[in-house]
Amino acid sequence: MLDSFERVFDSLPGMGSRNHDRELRQARAAYIGAVRRLNVAMHHFDESGIPLDPGPGPEPYPWTARHVQIMREVHGAFGQLIDRRREWDGLRREWISPH
């Protein structure tokens, strides 16, 4: 996700330390990756036809093992999204300008 210039800059001697700008870029990239994983999971959910409405009878419409797998995928993707956003937010809040 980092462009080639950023990678070269980060790999230069004396520049490759875990400086704050680099950490921010990596946190942002991790957040974007989590957004994309959630998007894929939600697409799978939308296309799956999982019956959420219980139906008219006393027994709910059944879920397949695949339905449960997709719902767990969405659940996990939301958890990752929240974690990555909190990490990125924390890095932005703790930053103090050196100038």
Protein backbone atom coordinates (compact mmCIF):
# COMPACT_ATOMS: atom_id res chain seq x y z
CA MET A 1 0.00 0.00 0.00
CA LEU A 2 2.93 2.30 0.55
CA ASP A 3 4.20 3.80 -2.65
CA SER A 4 7.71 3.01 -3.77
CA PHE A 5 9.07 6.41 -2.71
CA GLU A 6 7.87 5.88 0.86
CA ARG A 7 9.44 2.43 0.92
CA VAL A 8 12.78 3.76 -0.27
CA PHE A 9 12.67 6.62 2.26
CA ASP A 10 11.83 4.21 5.08
CA SER A 11 14.71 1.91 4.12
CA LEU A 12 17.43 4.59 4.10
CA PRO A 13 19.96 4.40 6.94
CA GLY A 14 18.85 6.63 9.75
CA MET A 15 15.39 6.99 8.24
CA GLY A 16 14.16 3.46 8.74
CA SER A 17 13.51 3.73 12.43
CA ARG A 18 9.93 3.32 13.51
CA ASN A 19 9.25 7.02 13.16
CA HIS A 20 5.79 8.33 13.70
CA ASP A 21 5.05 9.14 10.05
CA ARG A 22 5.87 5.58 9.07
CA GLU A 23 3.72 4.17 11.87
CA LEU A 24 0.84 6.39 10.75
CA ARG A 25 1.15 5.21 7.15
CA GLN A 26 1.23 1.58 8.24
CA ALA A 27 -1.74 2.05 10.56
CA ARG A 28 -3.70 3.73 7.78
CA ALA A 29 -2.82 0.91 5.36
CA ALA A 30 -3.93 -1.68 7.95
CA TYR A 31 -7.22 0.18 8.40
CA ILE A 32 -7.80 0.30 4.64
CA GLY A 33 -7.09 -3.43 4.46
CA ALA A 34 -9.65 -4.04 7.22
CA VAL A 35 -12.23 -1.95 5.34
CA ARG A 36 -11.65 -4.03 2.22
CA ARG A 37 -11.94 -7.32 4.14
CA LEU A 38 -15.21 -6.10 5.65
CA ASN A 39 -16.45 -5.13 2.20
CA VAL A 40 -15.74 -8.65 0.90
CA ALA A 41 -17.40 -10.25 3.94
CA MET A 42 -20.49 -8.06 3.57
CA HIS A 43 -20.68 -8.89 -0.13
CA HIS A 44 -20.63 -12.60 0.74
CA PHE A 45 -23.38 -11.95 3.28
CA ASP A 46 -25.50 -9.99 0.81
CA GLU A 47 -25.19 -12.71 -1.81
CA SER A 48 -25.79 -15.64 0.58
CA GLY A 49 -29.51 -15.40 1.10
CA ILE A 50 -29.15 -16.06 4.83
CA PRO A 51 -32.66 -16.11 6.27
CA LEU A 52 -32.71 -13.62 9.14
CA ASP A 53 -36.49 -13.40 9.34
CA PRO A 54 -37.60 -16.32 11.51
CA GLY A 55 -40.55 -17.14 9.24
CA PRO A 56 -44.22 -17.65 10.05
CA GLY A 57 -44.02 -20.93 11.93
CA PRO A 58 -42.75 -21.89 15.36
CA GLU A 59 -39.41 -23.03 13.91
CA PRO A 60 -37.07 -20.52 12.27
CA TYR A 61 -35.81 -20.93 8.75
CA PRO A 62 -32.66 -23.08 8.97
CA TRP A 63 -29.12 -21.83 8.59
CA THR A 64 -26.53 -23.91 6.79
CA ALA A 65 -22.94 -24.34 7.93
CA ARG A 66 -21.99 -21.93 5.11
CA HIS A 67 -24.43 -19.32 6.47
CA VAL A 68 -22.82 -19.53 9.90
CA GLN A 69 -19.34 -19.33 8.35
CA ILE A 70 -20.29 -16.15 6.45
CA MET A 71 -21.79 -14.53 9.56
CA ARG A 72 -18.62 -15.34 11.53
CA GLU A 73 -16.58 -13.81 8.69
CA VAL A 74 -18.61 -10.58 8.94
CA HIS A 75 -18.33 -10.58 12.73
CA GLY A 76 -14.55 -11.00 12.58
CA ALA A 77 -14.18 -8.37 9.87
CA PHE A 78 -16.05 -5.81 11.97
CA GLY A 79 -13.85 -6.63 14.97
CA GLN A 80 -10.68 -6.16 12.90
CA LEU A 81 -12.01 -2.91 11.47
CA ILE A 82 -12.68 -1.51 14.95
CA ASP A 83 -9.25 -2.61 16.21
CA ARG A 84 -7.36 -1.14 13.24
CA ARG A 85 -9.28 2.14 13.49
CA ARG A 86 -8.58 2.45 17.21
CA GLU A 87 -4.87 1.83 16.58
CA TRP A 88 -4.77 4.47 13.87
CA ASP A 89 -6.77 6.94 15.96
CA GLY A 90 -4.43 6.37 18.90
CA LEU A 91 -1.35 7.07 16.80
CA ARG A 92 -2.88 10.28 15.49
CA ARG A 93 -3.84 11.45 18.98
CA GLU A 94 -0.45 10.78 20.55
CA TRP A 95 1.51 12.62 17.85
CA ILE A 96 3.31 15.76 18.97
CA SER A 97 4.81 17.93 16.26
CA PRO A 98 8.61 18.13 16.49
CA HIS A 99 8.50 21.75 15.27
